[in-house]
Amino acid sequence: MLKAIFDEQLGIIRSISSGMTPPDELEIYVEQLRTLRQQQRARIGRFLHLVDAKDSALQTQWAAERPIRHNGSAGDMKPDDKTAVVLNSALLRMQAARLANRTQFATFTDMDEAVAWLIA
């Protein structure tokens, strides 16, 4: 499962990932995230994204790279944008670290630390 919502209380986009994500579900998510990102930019001027992947499984290479390609395409990531990913698995942290080489992207094991970094 993979879904994205706008968290009104924090003013961020919150994604929740659990288990494996099939390609068709991933494409729906990417479009959903694109729409939310446009709305958030119009509202606060930047893209703040919290990904709760504590219950996520190790993804295929394609599935792991797809959201990264989406966020990095066509200059979509701006200097003030941030994505914080909360992961419990050492394998998932290694996969995420290998895919993200931007300063706007960080992985965490603690949700509160991720939120604090994101909204700072």
C-alpha atoms as a PDB file:
ATOM      1  CA  MET A   1       0.000   0.000   0.000  1.00  0.00           C
ATOM      2  CA  LEU A   2       1.190   3.499  -0.816  1.00  0.00           C
ATOM      3  CA  LYS A   3      -0.842   6.657  -0.356  1.00  0.00           C
ATOM      4  CA  ALA A   4      -0.284  10.375   0.127  1.00  0.00           C
ATOM      5  CA  ILE A   5      -2.378  12.913   2.023  1.00  0.00           C
ATOM      6  CA  PHE A   6      -2.007  16.553   3.003  1.00  0.00           C
ATOM      7  CA  ASP A   7      -1.495  16.862   6.764  1.00  0.00           C
ATOM      8  CA  GLU A   8      -3.334  20.093   7.632  1.00  0.00           C
ATOM      9  CA  GLN A   9      -1.955  20.231  11.181  1.00  0.00           C
ATOM     10  CA  LEU A  10       1.706  20.158  10.127  1.00  0.00           C
ATOM     11  CA  GLY A  11       1.282  21.709   6.674  1.00  0.00           C
ATOM     12  CA  ILE A  12       3.151  18.835   4.996  1.00  0.00           C
ATOM     13  CA  ILE A  13       2.459  16.010   2.600  1.00  0.00           C
ATOM     14  CA  ARG A  14       2.496  12.700   4.413  1.00  0.00           C
ATOM     15  CA  SER A  15       2.987   9.442   2.519  1.00  0.00           C
ATOM     16  CA  ILE A  16       2.413   6.041   4.071  1.00  0.00           C
ATOM     17  CA  SER A  17       4.039   2.944   2.621  1.00  0.00           C
ATOM     18  CA  SER A  18       3.594  -0.641   3.735  1.00  0.00           C
ATOM     19  CA  GLY A  19       4.504  -3.937   2.127  1.00  0.00           C
ATOM     20  CA  MET A  20       5.398  -4.204  -1.553  1.00  0.00           C
ATOM     21  CA  THR A  21       4.044  -1.663  -4.011  1.00  0.00           C
ATOM     22  CA  PRO A  22       2.839  -3.006  -7.369  1.00  0.00           C
ATOM     23  CA  PRO A  23       3.603  -0.876 -10.471  1.00  0.00           C
ATOM     24  CA  ASP A  24      -0.010   0.193 -11.091  1.00  0.00           C
ATOM     25  CA  GLU A  25      -0.403   1.393  -7.495  1.00  0.00           C
ATOM     26  CA  LEU A  26       2.915   3.212  -7.709  1.00  0.00           C
ATOM     27  CA  GLU A  27       1.829   5.126 -10.828  1.00  0.00           C
ATOM     28  CA  ILE A  28      -1.401   6.223  -9.093  1.00  0.00           C
ATOM     29  CA  TYR A  29       0.653   7.365  -6.106  1.00  0.00           C
ATOM     30  CA  VAL A  30       3.083   9.365  -8.268  1.00  0.00           C
ATOM     31  CA  GLU A  31       0.173  11.242  -9.876  1.00  0.00           C
ATOM     32  CA  GLN A  32      -1.440  11.800  -6.477  1.00  0.00           C
ATOM     33  CA  LEU A  33       1.864  13.138  -5.127  1.00  0.00           C
ATOM     34  CA  ARG A  34       2.285  15.441  -8.136  1.00  0.00           C
ATOM     35  CA  THR A  35      -1.132  17.004  -7.499  1.00  0.00           C
ATOM     36  CA  LEU A  36      -0.489  17.408  -3.767  1.00  0.00           C
ATOM     37  CA  ARG A  37       2.929  18.935  -4.442  1.00  0.00           C
ATOM     38  CA  GLN A  38       1.421  21.539  -6.788  1.00  0.00           C
ATOM     39  CA  GLN A  39      -1.227  22.413  -4.188  1.00  0.00           C
ATOM     40  CA  GLN A  40       1.356  22.667  -1.413  1.00  0.00           C
ATOM     41  CA  ARG A  41       3.635  24.887  -3.502  1.00  0.00           C
ATOM     42  CA  ALA A  42       0.714  27.202  -4.242  1.00  0.00           C
ATOM     43  CA  ARG A  43      -0.069  27.298  -0.533  1.00  0.00           C
ATOM     44  CA  ILE A  44       3.335  27.602   1.187  1.00  0.00           C
ATOM     45  CA  GLY A  45       5.829  27.939  -1.654  1.00  0.00           C
ATOM     46  CA  ARG A  46       7.729  24.698  -1.055  1.00  0.00           C
ATOM     47  CA  PHE A  47       7.388  20.921  -1.028  1.00  0.00           C
ATOM     48  CA  LEU A  48       7.659  19.278   2.412  1.00  0.00           C
ATOM     49  CA  HIS A  49       7.196  15.519   2.266  1.00  0.00           C
ATOM     50  CA  LEU A  50       7.208  13.026   5.146  1.00  0.00           C
ATOM     51  CA  VAL A  51       7.299   9.364   4.119  1.00  0.00           C
ATOM     52  CA  ASP A  52       6.335   6.836   6.779  1.00  0.00           C
ATOM     53  CA  ALA A  53       7.919   3.662   5.425  1.00  0.00           C
ATOM     54  CA  LYS A  54       8.362   1.872   8.759  1.00  0.00           C
ATOM     55  CA  ASP A  55       6.183  -0.995   7.523  1.00  0.00           C
ATOM     56  CA  SER A  56       7.458  -1.007   3.953  1.00  0.00           C
ATOM     57  CA  ALA A  57       9.148  -3.994   2.367  1.00  0.00           C
ATOM     58  CA  LEU A  58      12.346  -3.849   0.366  1.00  0.00           C
ATOM     59  CA  GLN A  59      11.165  -2.663  -3.061  1.00  0.00           C
ATOM     60  CA  THR A  60      12.280  -3.652  -6.520  1.00  0.00           C
ATOM     61  CA  GLN A  61      14.875  -1.306  -7.998  1.00  0.00           C
ATOM     62  CA  TRP A  62      12.300   0.161 -10.384  1.00  0.00           C
ATOM     63  CA  ALA A  63       9.735   0.777  -7.612  1.00  0.00           C
ATOM     64  CA  ALA A  64      12.345   2.326  -5.330  1.00  0.00           C
ATOM     65  CA  GLU A  65      13.595   4.686  -8.044  1.00  0.00           C
ATOM     66  CA  ARG A  66      10.213   5.732  -9.475  1.00  0.00           C
ATOM     67  CA  PRO A  67       9.278   8.379  -6.844  1.00  0.00           C
ATOM     68  CA  ILE A  68      12.865   9.706  -6.874  1.00  0.00           C
ATOM     69  CA  ARG A  69      12.721  10.067 -10.674  1.00  0.00           C
ATOM     70  CA  HIS A  70       9.341  11.785 -10.362  1.00  0.00           C
ATOM     71  CA  ASN A  71      10.554  14.269  -7.737  1.00  0.00           C
ATOM     72  CA  GLY A  72      13.747  15.054  -9.591  1.00  0.00           C
ATOM     73  CA  SER A  73      12.263  15.361 -13.052  1.00  0.00           C
ATOM     74  CA  ALA A  74      11.928  18.623 -14.929  1.00  0.00           C
ATOM     75  CA  GLY A  75      13.499  20.627 -12.125  1.00  0.00           C
ATOM     76  CA  ASP A  76      10.658  19.752  -9.769  1.00  0.00           C
ATOM     77  CA  MET A  77      12.848  19.850  -6.656  1.00  0.00           C
ATOM     78  CA  LYS A  78      13.522  23.399  -5.489  1.00  0.00           C
ATOM     79  CA  PRO A  79      16.245  24.439  -3.006  1.00  0.00           C
ATOM     80  CA  ASP A  80      13.767  24.780  -0.090  1.00  0.00           C
ATOM     81  CA  ASP A  81      12.056  21.428  -0.720  1.00  0.00           C
ATOM     82  CA  LYS A  82      12.618  18.548   1.693  1.00  0.00           C
ATOM     83  CA  THR A  83      11.736  14.870   1.931  1.00  0.00           C
ATOM     84  CA  ALA A  84      12.150  12.949   5.192  1.00  0.00           C
ATOM     85  CA  VAL A  85      11.772   9.161   5.117  1.00  0.00           C
ATOM     86  CA  VAL A  86      11.232   7.146   8.299  1.00  0.00           C
ATOM     87  CA  LEU A  87      12.513   3.580   7.997  1.00  0.00           C
ATOM     88  CA  ASN A  88      13.039   0.750  10.481  1.00  0.00           C
ATOM     89  CA  SER A  89      14.909  -1.704   8.291  1.00  0.00           C
ATOM     90  CA  ALA A  90      18.663  -1.407   7.785  1.00  0.00           C
ATOM     91  CA  LEU A  91      18.216  -2.771   4.248  1.00  0.00           C
ATOM     92  CA  LEU A  92      15.639  -0.095   3.416  1.00  0.00           C
ATOM     93  CA  ARG A  93      17.911   2.621   4.836  1.00  0.00           C
ATOM     94  CA  MET A  94      20.728   1.361   2.596  1.00  0.00           C
ATOM     95  CA  GLN A  95      18.404   1.310  -0.424  1.00  0.00           C
ATOM     96  CA  ALA A  96      17.193   4.853   0.299  1.00  0.00           C
ATOM     97  CA  ALA A  97      20.705   6.184   0.918  1.00  0.00           C
ATOM     98  CA  ARG A  98      21.909   4.768  -2.384  1.00  0.00           C
ATOM     99  CA  LEU A  99      19.075   6.417  -4.294  1.00  0.00           C
ATOM    100  CA  ALA A 100      19.120   9.841  -2.686  1.00  0.00           C
ATOM    101  CA  ASN A 101      22.175  12.004  -2.973  1.00  0.00           C
ATOM    102  CA  ARG A 102      20.521  15.346  -2.360  1.00  0.00           C
ATOM    103  CA  THR A 103      20.726  17.518   0.743  1.00  0.00           C
ATOM    104  CA  GLN A 104      16.934  17.882   0.619  1.00  0.00           C
ATOM    105  CA  PHE A 105      16.499  14.171   1.381  1.00  0.00           C
ATOM    106  CA  ALA A 106      17.166  12.460   4.721  1.00  0.00           C
ATOM    107  CA  THR A 107      16.331   9.139   6.353  1.00  0.00           C
ATOM    108  CA  PHE A 108      15.365   8.685   9.986  1.00  0.00           C
ATOM    109  CA  THR A 109      14.352   5.933  12.395  1.00  0.00           C
ATOM    110  CA  ASP A 110      12.371   8.319  14.622  1.00  0.00           C
ATOM    111  CA  MET A 111       9.209  10.070  13.383  1.00  0.00           C
ATOM    112  CA  ASP A 112       9.595  13.105  15.679  1.00  0.00           C
ATOM    113  CA  GLU A 113      13.172  13.699  14.482  1.00  0.00           C
ATOM    114  CA  ALA A 114      12.014  13.450  10.867  1.00  0.00           C
ATOM    115  CA  VAL A 115       9.217  15.984  11.400  1.00  0.00           C
ATOM    116  CA  ALA A 116      11.550  18.374  13.262  1.00  0.00           C
ATOM    117  CA  TRP A 117      14.094  18.264  10.401  1.00  0.00           C
ATOM    118  CA  LEU A 118      11.373  18.670   7.799  1.00  0.00           C
ATOM    119  CA  ILE A 119       9.712  21.755   9.255  1.00  0.00           C
ATOM    120  CA  ALA A 120      12.930  23.454  10.455  1.00  0.00           C
END
